[in-house]
Amino acid sequence: MTVTVRPIDTTSLGDRSYLVHDGDVAAVIDPQRDIDRVLDAAQQARVRITHVLETHVHNDYVTGGLALSRRVGADYHVAAGEHVSFQRTAVDDGITIDVGSMTIEAVATPGHTHDHLAYVVHDAVSSTGRPFAVFTGGSLLYDTVGRTDLLGDADTDELTRAQWRSARALLDRLPDNVHVLPTHGFGSFCSSGPASDRADGTIADERAGNLAAIIDDEDEFVRELLQGLTAYPAYYAHMDPLNRAGPFEPDLSPLPPLAAHDLRRRLEHREWVIDVRERRAFATEHLAGSIGVELSESFATYVGWLLPWGARLTLLGWSPDDIAAAHRELVRIGIDRPSNGAVGPVEDMAGDRPVLRYPVVDFATLSERVQTEMDSPVQVIDVRRLDEFHERHLERAHHVPLHELADSFHHIPPGELWVHCSTGARASIAAALLEREGHHVVLIDDDLDNAPAHLLSPAP
């Protein structure tokens, strides 16, 4: 039987793990923390996992590699140059690993990290043992490469140059029809820029369209790559040490419930109580002091970005399924056990705690309000990233990126605040944070593409 690859997508973090097998035995590349998904995929394929391989020590999620290897008794392969606190099989450039009828070759591809590896899978069943696929981790992504600034400013230039060389070496080395299977690049902040989210790609595709292939001059590549880098989540700072320590298998059992009076006490003490309901439902009715972060693709990213690391966290939702889904998202970034989960209608939780609401509008409503304002000018808060703001913004907007909001409350203008982002998702989180600080807010839950032209600042 020939090689089969089963991607295991974690769309909320923009990553893919992979189960690769020959119909009998399998290897897993870059598994996420919730390893039950990998075990289910192996069971469905009726294969035995014998090897687990990491392309690098991850900066955007907590790995499930060590826990998975221990659960199934597999060899755990990590680059020899990485300093870790657990036993592993050290892998160097050029080492080959036999997995059933497959041969997996490790290829040094520094750039995203110093000791980054790619894995080329050879199909030994074919007469030539030809390369079938290359698992590229954070090196060669679809149309771009992994970002090179996550280890600090002192390493960035060196890693960026190494990334260009590594990507081009893979493109020079492998045949056109080899499948390229990256870990990052599907919305992950580990990508250096916009990457295609296509289901598959080949070496030929990347020779034709990858940034590292198109730019032939190393210095130009460095300039191009670095100027495209944007802010990345604060929780990234904690992923590397967690992954080097050897993460244990997460406990995904139901969180303990929370009595209404205990919930109200936590709100009174300004603890982090996150309501995971849809943003318009939160705007319509929510507990004073709670923060709305709807359970969407970006849930874990923004909770991890904003929550002070180690702070006690309580989750609110309509149902136990809401809480369980939020919990699963959070363990992937090292928030292992939120203290409690409370479910049910807001009024049942409130007691004597105020139930609040704020208006939800669109950009057409903002336009009408601007045109009719007299002595009360509209205060618009734009919470997008700086690069997004520079690309285009409302002429009257006060810019405070969401991830900087907690440190910028003293800069927020007085009066009613009309809060927007690109789609309404980040603005809804900002609105809740601003309301908790005593501001009157209006959520603009609309796509910025719908903003009338007269509201936009003239292009530079």
Protein backbone atom coordinates (compact mmCIF):
# COMPACT_ATOMS: atom_id res chain seq x y z
CA MET A 1 0.00 0.00 0.00
CA THR A 2 1.25 3.51 -0.79
CA VAL A 3 1.61 6.38 1.64
CA THR A 4 -1.55 8.00 2.97
CA VAL A 5 -1.60 11.37 4.75
CA ARG A 6 -4.42 12.45 7.04
CA PRO A 7 -4.31 16.15 7.99
CA ILE A 8 -5.71 17.05 11.41
CA ASP A 9 -6.66 20.72 11.26
CA THR A 10 -6.71 23.10 14.19
CA THR A 11 -8.31 25.98 12.36
CA SER A 12 -8.62 28.14 15.47
CA LEU A 13 -4.81 28.39 15.66
CA GLY A 14 -4.12 28.15 11.93
CA ASP A 15 -2.19 24.87 12.21
CA ARG A 16 -2.22 21.34 10.84
CA SER A 17 -0.91 18.14 12.37
CA TYR A 18 -0.50 15.04 10.22
CA LEU A 19 -0.98 11.30 10.49
CA VAL A 20 1.07 9.61 7.75
CA HIS A 21 0.82 5.83 7.32
CA ASP A 22 1.29 2.88 4.98
CA GLY A 23 -1.93 1.11 5.95
CA ASP A 24 -0.30 -0.63 8.91
CA VAL A 25 1.94 1.70 10.90
CA ALA A 26 1.96 5.47 11.20
CA ALA A 27 3.98 8.50 12.18
CA VAL A 28 2.47 11.69 13.56
CA ILE A 29 4.00 15.08 12.79
CA ASP A 30 3.55 18.09 15.10
CA PRO A 31 0.53 16.87 17.12
CA GLN A 32 -1.60 19.34 19.01
CA ARG A 33 -2.21 19.07 22.76
CA ASP A 34 -5.62 17.36 22.52
CA ILE A 35 -4.28 14.03 21.33
CA ASP A 36 -7.64 12.27 21.33
CA ARG A 37 -8.18 13.63 17.81
CA VAL A 38 -4.98 11.92 16.64
CA LEU A 39 -5.91 8.67 18.37
CA ASP A 40 -9.34 8.75 16.72
CA ALA A 41 -7.75 9.31 13.29
CA ALA A 42 -5.40 6.36 13.81
CA GLN A 43 -8.26 4.15 14.96
CA GLN A 44 -10.34 5.09 11.91
CA ALA A 45 -7.40 4.26 9.62
CA ARG A 46 -6.73 1.04 11.59
CA VAL A 47 -3.06 1.86 11.95
CA ARG A 48 -0.59 1.74 14.82
CA ILE A 49 1.36 4.88 15.72
CA THR A 50 5.02 3.98 16.16
CA HIS A 51 6.73 7.36 15.74
CA VAL A 52 5.96 10.95 16.72
CA LEU A 53 8.06 13.71 15.12
CA GLU A 54 8.41 17.41 15.88
CA THR A 55 9.61 19.80 13.20
CA HIS A 56 10.49 22.33 15.91
CA VAL A 57 9.81 23.49 19.43
CA HIS A 58 6.56 25.35 18.89
CA ASN A 59 5.87 28.95 19.81
CA ASP A 60 2.13 29.07 19.07
CA TYR A 61 0.76 26.01 20.84
CA VAL A 62 1.55 23.42 23.47
CA THR A 63 2.58 20.19 21.80
CA GLY A 64 0.89 16.86 22.38
CA GLY A 65 3.96 15.01 21.11
CA LEU A 66 5.36 13.76 24.38
CA ALA A 67 1.98 12.78 25.79
CA LEU A 68 1.03 10.97 22.58
CA SER A 69 4.31 9.06 22.42
CA ARG A 70 3.90 7.93 26.00
CA ARG A 71 0.25 6.95 25.50
CA VAL A 72 0.96 4.68 22.51
CA GLY A 73 4.58 3.71 23.26
CA ALA A 74 5.98 5.47 20.18
CA ASP A 75 9.46 6.87 19.62
CA TYR A 76 9.46 10.64 20.10
CA HIS A 77 11.78 12.48 17.71
CA VAL A 78 13.00 16.01 18.48
CA ALA A 79 15.95 17.86 16.94
CA ALA A 80 19.23 16.98 18.62
CA GLY A 81 20.14 20.64 19.09
CA GLU A 82 17.07 21.41 21.19
CA HIS A 83 17.50 21.52 24.97
CA VAL A 84 14.55 19.71 26.53
CA SER A 85 13.80 18.25 29.96
CA PHE A 86 12.54 14.84 28.83
CA GLN A 87 13.88 11.76 27.11
CA ARG A 88 13.54 11.81 23.35
CA THR A 89 15.13 10.35 20.24
CA ALA A 90 17.51 13.05 19.02
CA VAL A 91 17.34 13.75 15.29
CA ASP A 92 20.03 15.33 13.13
CA ASP A 93 20.16 16.42 9.51
CA GLY A 94 20.29 13.41 7.18
CA ILE A 95 19.07 10.81 9.67
CA THR A 96 16.52 8.37 8.26
CA ILE A 97 13.71 6.76 10.21
CA ASP A 98 11.99 3.58 9.03
CA VAL A 99 8.25 3.58 9.67
CA GLY A 100 6.79 0.41 8.22
CA SER A 101 7.34 0.56 4.48
CA MET A 102 8.09 4.28 4.63
CA THR A 103 11.44 5.95 5.11
CA ILE A 104 11.41 9.41 6.67
CA GLU A 105 14.49 11.60 6.20
CA ALA A 106 15.22 14.55 8.47
CA VAL A 107 16.43 17.70 6.70
CA ALA A 108 17.82 20.69 8.61
CA THR A 109 15.79 23.79 7.68
CA PRO A 110 16.79 26.54 10.15
CA GLY A 111 14.88 29.80 9.93
CA HIS A 112 11.65 29.61 11.89
CA THR A 113 13.84 28.32 14.72
CA HIS A 114 17.55 27.53 14.86
CA ASP A 115 17.16 23.73 14.91
CA HIS A 116 14.11 23.42 12.68
CA LEU A 117 13.72 20.18 10.70
CA ALA A 118 11.67 19.17 7.69
CA TYR A 119 10.79 15.52 7.12
CA VAL A 120 10.84 13.99 3.64
CA VAL A 121 8.74 10.82 3.36
CA HIS A 122 9.92 8.24 0.85
CA ASP A 123 7.49 5.58 -0.32
CA ALA A 124 9.49 2.33 -0.14
CA VAL A 125 6.67 0.37 -1.79
CA SER A 126 7.37 2.04 -5.12
CA SER A 127 10.20 0.69 -7.23
CA THR A 128 12.32 3.81 -6.79
CA GLY A 129 11.54 4.73 -3.16
CA ARG A 130 10.70 8.17 -4.51
CA PRO A 131 10.04 11.17 -2.26
CA PHE A 132 6.31 11.43 -1.73
CA ALA A 133 5.85 14.38 0.62
CA VAL A 134 7.78 16.84 2.75
CA PHE A 135 6.47 17.99 6.12
CA THR A 136 7.82 21.51 6.39
CA GLY A 137 6.58 22.74 9.79
CA GLY A 138 7.29 26.48 9.92
CA SER A 139 9.77 26.55 7.06
CA LEU A 140 8.25 26.39 3.58
CA LEU A 141 4.57 27.39 3.84
CA TYR A 142 2.08 27.82 1.02
CA ASP A 143 3.23 30.96 -0.85
CA THR A 144 5.36 32.19 2.05
CA VAL A 145 7.53 31.02 4.96
CA GLY A 146 7.29 30.92 8.73
CA ARG A 147 8.07 34.09 10.63
CA THR A 148 11.58 34.53 11.95
CA ASP A 149 11.24 36.99 14.84
CA LEU A 150 9.77 34.80 17.57
CA LEU A 151 13.10 34.12 19.29
CA GLY A 152 13.94 37.80 19.77
CA ASP A 153 15.46 40.71 17.90
CA ALA A 154 19.03 39.48 18.30
CA ASP A 155 18.30 36.35 16.26
CA THR A 156 15.90 37.74 13.68
CA ASP A 157 18.31 38.76 10.92
CA GLU A 158 20.27 35.51 11.13
CA LEU A 159 17.10 33.41 11.13
CA THR A 160 15.56 35.33 8.23
CA ARG A 161 18.60 34.68 6.07
CA ALA A 162 18.62 31.03 7.12
CA GLN A 163 14.92 30.79 6.26
CA TRP A 164 15.53 31.99 2.71
CA ARG A 165 18.33 29.48 2.22
CA SER A 166 16.39 26.60 3.78
CA ALA A 167 13.30 27.19 1.67
CA ARG A 168 15.30 27.45 -1.53
CA ALA A 169 17.32 24.34 -0.64
CA LEU A 170 14.11 22.32 -0.31
CA LEU A 171 12.84 23.67 -3.62
CA ASP A 172 16.12 22.81 -5.34
CA ARG A 173 16.37 19.39 -3.80
CA LEU A 174 12.92 17.86 -4.27
CA PRO A 175 11.00 16.86 -7.43
CA ASP A 176 8.06 18.91 -8.67
CA ASN A 177 5.40 16.41 -7.66
CA VAL A 178 6.38 16.10 -3.98
CA HIS A 179 3.55 17.23 -1.71
CA VAL A 180 4.36 20.16 0.57
CA LEU A 181 2.65 19.77 3.95
CA PRO A 182 3.33 22.66 6.38
CA THR A 183 2.23 22.91 10.00
CA HIS A 184 1.60 26.67 9.94
CA GLY A 185 0.14 29.09 7.43
CA PHE A 186 -3.63 28.66 7.65
CA GLY A 187 -4.24 31.77 9.72
CA SER A 188 -1.44 31.15 12.23
CA PHE A 189 0.49 34.15 13.52
CA CYS A 190 3.56 31.94 12.95
CA SER A 191 3.26 32.77 9.25
CA SER A 192 5.41 35.67 8.07
CA GLY A 193 2.62 37.00 5.89
CA PRO A 194 -0.55 35.98 4.08
CA ALA A 195 -0.42 32.30 3.20
CA SER A 196 -2.77 30.26 1.06
CA ASP A 197 -5.10 28.01 3.04
CA ARG A 198 -5.37 25.48 0.23
CA ALA A 199 -5.72 21.81 1.13
CA ASP A 200 -2.56 20.70 -0.65
CA GLY A 201 0.42 21.97 -2.60
CA THR A 202 3.50 20.70 -4.35
CA ILE A 203 7.12 21.69 -4.79
CA ALA A 204 6.17 22.88 -8.29
CA ASP A 205 3.52 25.18 -6.81
CA GLU A 206 6.03 26.70 -4.40
CA ARG A 207 8.71 27.14 -7.05
CA ALA A 208 6.16 29.18 -8.99
CA GLY A 209 4.67 31.25 -6.18
CA ASN A 210 6.55 31.12 -2.90
CA LEU A 211 8.06 34.36 -1.62
CA ALA A 212 11.43 32.66 -1.08
CA ALA A 213 11.48 31.40 -4.66
CA ILE A 214 10.34 34.64 -6.28
CA ILE A 215 12.91 36.84 -4.52
CA ASP A 216 16.38 35.87 -5.72
CA ASP A 217 18.33 38.34 -3.60
CA GLU A 218 18.82 37.43 0.06
CA ASP A 219 18.97 41.04 1.30
CA GLU A 220 15.80 41.92 -0.56
CA PHE A 221 14.09 38.87 0.94
CA VAL A 222 15.10 39.98 4.43
CA ARG A 223 13.68 43.46 3.86
CA GLU A 224 10.46 42.10 2.35
CA LEU A 225 9.89 39.54 5.06
CA LEU A 226 10.61 41.77 8.03
CA GLN A 227 8.46 44.65 6.85
CA GLY A 228 5.49 42.29 6.61
CA LEU A 229 5.69 41.02 10.18
CA THR A 230 2.87 42.04 12.50
CA ALA A 231 2.18 41.74 16.24
CA TYR A 232 1.75 38.23 17.60
CA PRO A 233 -0.13 36.97 20.68
CA ALA A 234 1.37 37.55 24.12
CA TYR A 235 0.85 33.93 25.13
CA TYR A 236 3.53 32.87 22.63
CA ALA A 237 6.14 33.82 25.24
CA HIS A 238 5.02 30.88 27.39
CA MET A 239 4.85 28.16 24.73
CA ASP A 240 8.57 27.53 24.26
CA PRO A 241 9.31 26.87 27.97
CA LEU A 242 6.21 24.69 28.33
CA ASN A 243 7.18 22.63 25.31
CA ARG A 244 10.77 22.21 26.50
CA ALA A 245 9.56 21.05 29.93
CA GLY A 246 7.48 18.25 28.40
CA PRO A 247 3.73 18.92 28.46
CA PHE A 248 1.52 16.29 30.05
CA GLU A 249 -1.75 15.03 28.57
CA PRO A 250 -4.51 17.56 29.30
CA ASP A 251 -7.49 16.89 31.54
CA LEU A 252 -10.56 17.58 29.40
CA SER A 253 -13.07 16.33 31.95
CA PRO A 254 -15.99 18.71 32.68
CA LEU A 255 -15.11 21.80 34.67
CA PRO A 256 -16.77 22.04 38.08
CA PRO A 257 -19.93 24.17 38.17
CA LEU A 258 -20.00 27.47 40.02
CA ALA A 259 -22.69 28.70 42.39
CA ALA A 260 -24.26 32.02 41.42
CA HIS A 261 -23.09 33.75 44.62
CA ASP A 262 -19.49 32.65 43.97
CA LEU A 263 -19.72 33.91 40.40
CA ARG A 264 -20.95 37.29 41.60
CA ARG A 265 -18.11 37.49 44.11
CA ARG A 266 -15.56 36.89 41.35
CA LEU A 267 -17.12 39.62 39.24
CA GLU A 268 -17.03 42.03 42.17
CA HIS A 269 -13.30 41.31 42.56
CA ARG A 270 -12.74 41.97 38.84
CA GLU A 271 -11.59 38.45 38.10
CA TRP A 272 -11.58 37.23 34.51
CA VAL A 273 -15.06 35.89 33.82
CA ILE A 274 -15.40 35.18 30.10
CA ASP A 275 -18.80 34.76 28.47
CA VAL A 276 -18.40 32.61 25.34
CA ARG A 277 -21.82 33.30 23.83
CA GLU A 278 -22.20 34.91 20.40
CA ARG A 279 -21.27 38.58 20.47
CA ARG A 280 -24.74 39.96 19.77
CA ALA A 281 -26.23 37.77 22.48
CA PHE A 282 -23.62 39.14 24.89
CA ALA A 283 -24.36 42.73 23.85
CA THR A 284 -28.07 42.17 24.45
CA GLU A 285 -27.66 40.75 27.94
CA HIS A 286 -24.60 40.13 30.11
CA LEU A 287 -23.40 40.25 33.67
CA ALA A 288 -21.70 43.47 34.74
CA GLY A 289 -17.95 42.87 34.79
CA SER A 290 -17.95 39.86 32.48
CA ILE A 291 -16.02 39.90 29.22
CA GLY A 292 -17.55 38.62 26.00
CA VAL A 293 -15.22 36.52 23.83
CA GLU A 294 -17.44 34.53 21.54
CA LEU A 295 -16.58 30.90 20.88
CA SER A 296 -15.28 31.36 17.35
CA GLU A 297 -12.12 30.57 15.38
CA SER A 298 -10.22 33.29 17.23
CA PHE A 299 -11.38 32.45 20.76
CA ALA A 300 -8.18 30.92 22.16
CA THR A 301 -5.95 33.43 20.36
CA TYR A 302 -7.58 36.45 21.96
CA VAL A 303 -8.12 34.94 25.39
CA GLY A 304 -4.46 33.94 25.40
CA TRP A 305 -3.43 37.37 24.13
CA LEU A 306 -5.37 39.33 26.75
CA LEU A 307 -5.59 37.15 29.85
CA PRO A 308 -2.76 37.80 32.34
CA TRP A 309 -0.79 34.54 32.36
CA GLY A 310 -1.80 32.38 35.32
CA ALA A 311 -4.88 34.45 36.22
CA ARG A 312 -7.92 32.55 37.46
CA LEU A 313 -10.45 32.16 34.67
CA THR A 314 -14.16 31.37 34.82
CA LEU A 315 -16.17 30.47 31.71
CA LEU A 316 -19.84 31.28 31.10
CA GLY A 317 -21.99 29.78 28.36
CA TRP A 318 -25.40 28.51 27.42
CA SER A 319 -24.58 24.82 27.79
CA PRO A 320 -21.96 22.34 29.04
CA ASP A 321 -21.03 21.79 25.39
CA ASP A 322 -20.08 25.48 25.08
CA ILE A 323 -17.84 25.22 28.13
CA ALA A 324 -16.25 21.97 26.94
CA ALA A 325 -15.48 23.44 23.50
CA ALA A 326 -13.93 26.56 25.06
CA HIS A 327 -11.91 24.43 27.46
CA ARG A 328 -10.52 22.33 24.60
CA GLU A 329 -9.44 25.45 22.74
CA LEU A 330 -7.66 26.81 25.82
CA VAL A 331 -5.65 23.68 26.68
CA ARG A 332 -4.02 23.97 23.26
CA ILE A 333 -2.29 27.15 24.45
CA GLY A 334 -1.48 25.97 27.96
CA ILE A 335 -4.52 27.25 29.87
CA ASP A 336 -5.17 23.80 31.25
CA ARG A 337 -7.99 24.05 33.76
CA PRO A 338 -10.19 27.14 33.92
CA SER A 339 -11.41 27.08 37.50
CA ASN A 340 -15.13 26.69 36.76
CA GLY A 341 -17.82 26.72 34.11
CA ALA A 342 -21.24 28.29 34.67
CA VAL A 343 -24.13 27.68 32.29
CA GLY A 344 -27.64 28.92 31.79
CA PRO A 345 -29.58 32.15 31.28
CA VAL A 346 -27.87 35.32 32.41
CA GLU A 347 -30.73 36.36 34.68
CA ASP A 348 -30.39 33.08 36.62
CA MET A 349 -26.74 33.90 37.35
CA ALA A 350 -27.23 37.57 38.11
CA GLY A 351 -28.91 37.66 41.53
CA ASP A 352 -28.48 41.27 42.62
CA ARG A 353 -25.65 41.78 40.09
CA PRO A 354 -26.60 44.21 37.28
CA VAL A 355 -27.51 42.79 33.87
CA LEU A 356 -26.19 45.14 31.19
CA ARG A 357 -26.58 45.71 27.48
CA TYR A 358 -25.11 48.01 24.87
CA PRO A 359 -26.22 48.98 21.34
CA VAL A 360 -25.09 47.09 18.26
CA VAL A 361 -24.99 49.05 14.99
CA ASP A 362 -23.50 48.99 11.50
CA PHE A 363 -21.38 51.49 9.59
CA ALA A 364 -24.48 52.95 7.92
CA THR A 365 -25.76 53.89 11.37
CA LEU A 366 -22.41 55.46 12.22
CA SER A 367 -22.62 57.47 9.01
CA GLU A 368 -26.07 58.77 9.94
CA ARG A 369 -24.89 59.64 13.43
CA VAL A 370 -21.86 61.54 12.09
CA GLN A 371 -24.01 63.52 9.68
CA THR A 372 -26.45 64.57 12.41
CA GLU A 373 -24.01 65.28 15.25
CA MET A 374 -24.13 68.72 16.78
CA ASP A 375 -22.29 69.45 20.02
CA SER A 376 -21.58 65.77 20.72
CA PRO A 377 -19.00 64.45 18.25
CA VAL A 378 -18.81 60.69 17.87
CA GLN A 379 -15.75 59.06 19.45
CA VAL A 380 -14.72 56.11 17.25
CA ILE A 381 -12.26 53.53 18.59
CA ASP A 382 -10.45 51.33 16.04
CA VAL A 383 -8.98 48.22 17.73
CA ARG A 384 -7.28 46.61 14.71
CA ARG A 385 -3.54 46.05 14.46
CA LEU A 386 -1.26 48.91 13.42
CA ASP A 387 -0.62 47.46 9.95
CA GLU A 388 -4.36 47.24 9.32
CA PHE A 389 -4.86 50.81 10.51
CA HIS A 390 -2.14 52.13 8.20
CA GLU A 391 -3.70 50.35 5.24
CA ARG A 392 -7.01 52.20 5.70
CA HIS A 393 -9.00 53.67 8.55
CA LEU A 394 -11.87 55.96 9.44
CA GLU A 395 -10.85 59.59 9.39
CA ARG A 396 -12.10 60.27 12.90
CA ALA A 397 -10.87 57.04 14.51
CA HIS A 398 -8.83 56.88 17.70
CA HIS A 399 -6.53 53.88 17.20
CA VAL A 400 -5.82 51.48 20.06
CA PRO A 401 -5.02 47.87 19.06
CA LEU A 402 -7.01 45.36 21.06
CA HIS A 403 -3.87 43.73 22.46
CA GLU A 404 -2.71 47.13 23.79
CA LEU A 405 -6.05 48.22 25.21
CA ALA A 406 -5.44 47.15 28.81
CA ASP A 407 -2.36 49.38 28.96
CA SER A 408 -4.08 52.29 27.22
CA PHE A 409 -7.26 52.91 29.20
CA HIS A 410 -5.85 56.25 30.39
CA HIS A 411 -5.58 57.37 26.74
CA ILE A 412 -9.19 56.58 25.87
CA PRO A 413 -11.23 59.74 25.20
CA PRO A 414 -14.31 60.45 27.34
CA GLY A 415 -17.86 60.14 26.13
CA GLU A 416 -19.72 57.43 24.29
CA LEU A 417 -17.35 55.15 22.36
CA TRP A 418 -18.24 53.57 19.02
CA VAL A 419 -15.92 50.57 18.72
CA HIS A 420 -14.99 48.83 15.47
CA CYS A 421 -12.48 46.43 13.91
CA SER A 422 -12.60 44.62 10.55
CA THR A 423 -15.66 42.47 11.16
CA GLY A 424 -16.92 43.14 14.68
CA ALA A 425 -15.26 40.19 16.43
CA ARG A 426 -12.36 42.05 18.06
CA ALA A 427 -14.49 45.14 18.59
CA SER A 428 -16.92 43.09 20.68
CA ILE A 429 -14.12 42.05 23.03
CA ALA A 430 -12.89 45.63 23.25
CA ALA A 431 -16.40 46.90 23.94
CA ALA A 432 -16.71 44.56 26.92
CA LEU A 433 -13.32 45.60 28.28
CA LEU A 434 -14.12 49.29 27.88
CA GLU A 435 -17.53 48.86 29.49
CA ARG A 436 -15.89 47.14 32.46
CA GLU A 437 -13.78 50.31 32.86
CA GLY A 438 -16.95 52.41 33.07
CA HIS A 439 -17.29 53.60 29.47
CA HIS A 440 -20.55 53.75 27.55
CA VAL A 441 -20.00 51.76 24.37
CA VAL A 442 -21.62 51.10 21.03
CA LEU A 443 -20.48 48.02 19.11
CA ILE A 444 -20.09 48.42 15.35
CA ASP A 445 -20.71 44.83 14.29
CA ASP A 446 -20.05 45.20 10.59
CA ASP A 447 -17.44 44.56 7.92
CA LEU A 448 -15.17 47.54 7.32
CA ASP A 449 -15.74 47.08 3.59
CA ASN A 450 -19.25 48.38 4.25
CA ALA A 451 -18.05 51.73 5.62
CA PRO A 452 -19.19 54.62 3.40
CA ALA A 453 -16.33 56.28 1.54
CA HIS A 454 -16.87 59.65 3.23
CA LEU A 455 -15.98 58.10 6.61
CA LEU A 456 -12.59 56.85 5.40
CA SER A 457 -9.40 58.82 5.69
CA PRO A 458 -7.94 59.79 2.29
CA ALA A 459 -5.32 57.34 1.06
CA PRO A 460 -1.72 58.55 1.71
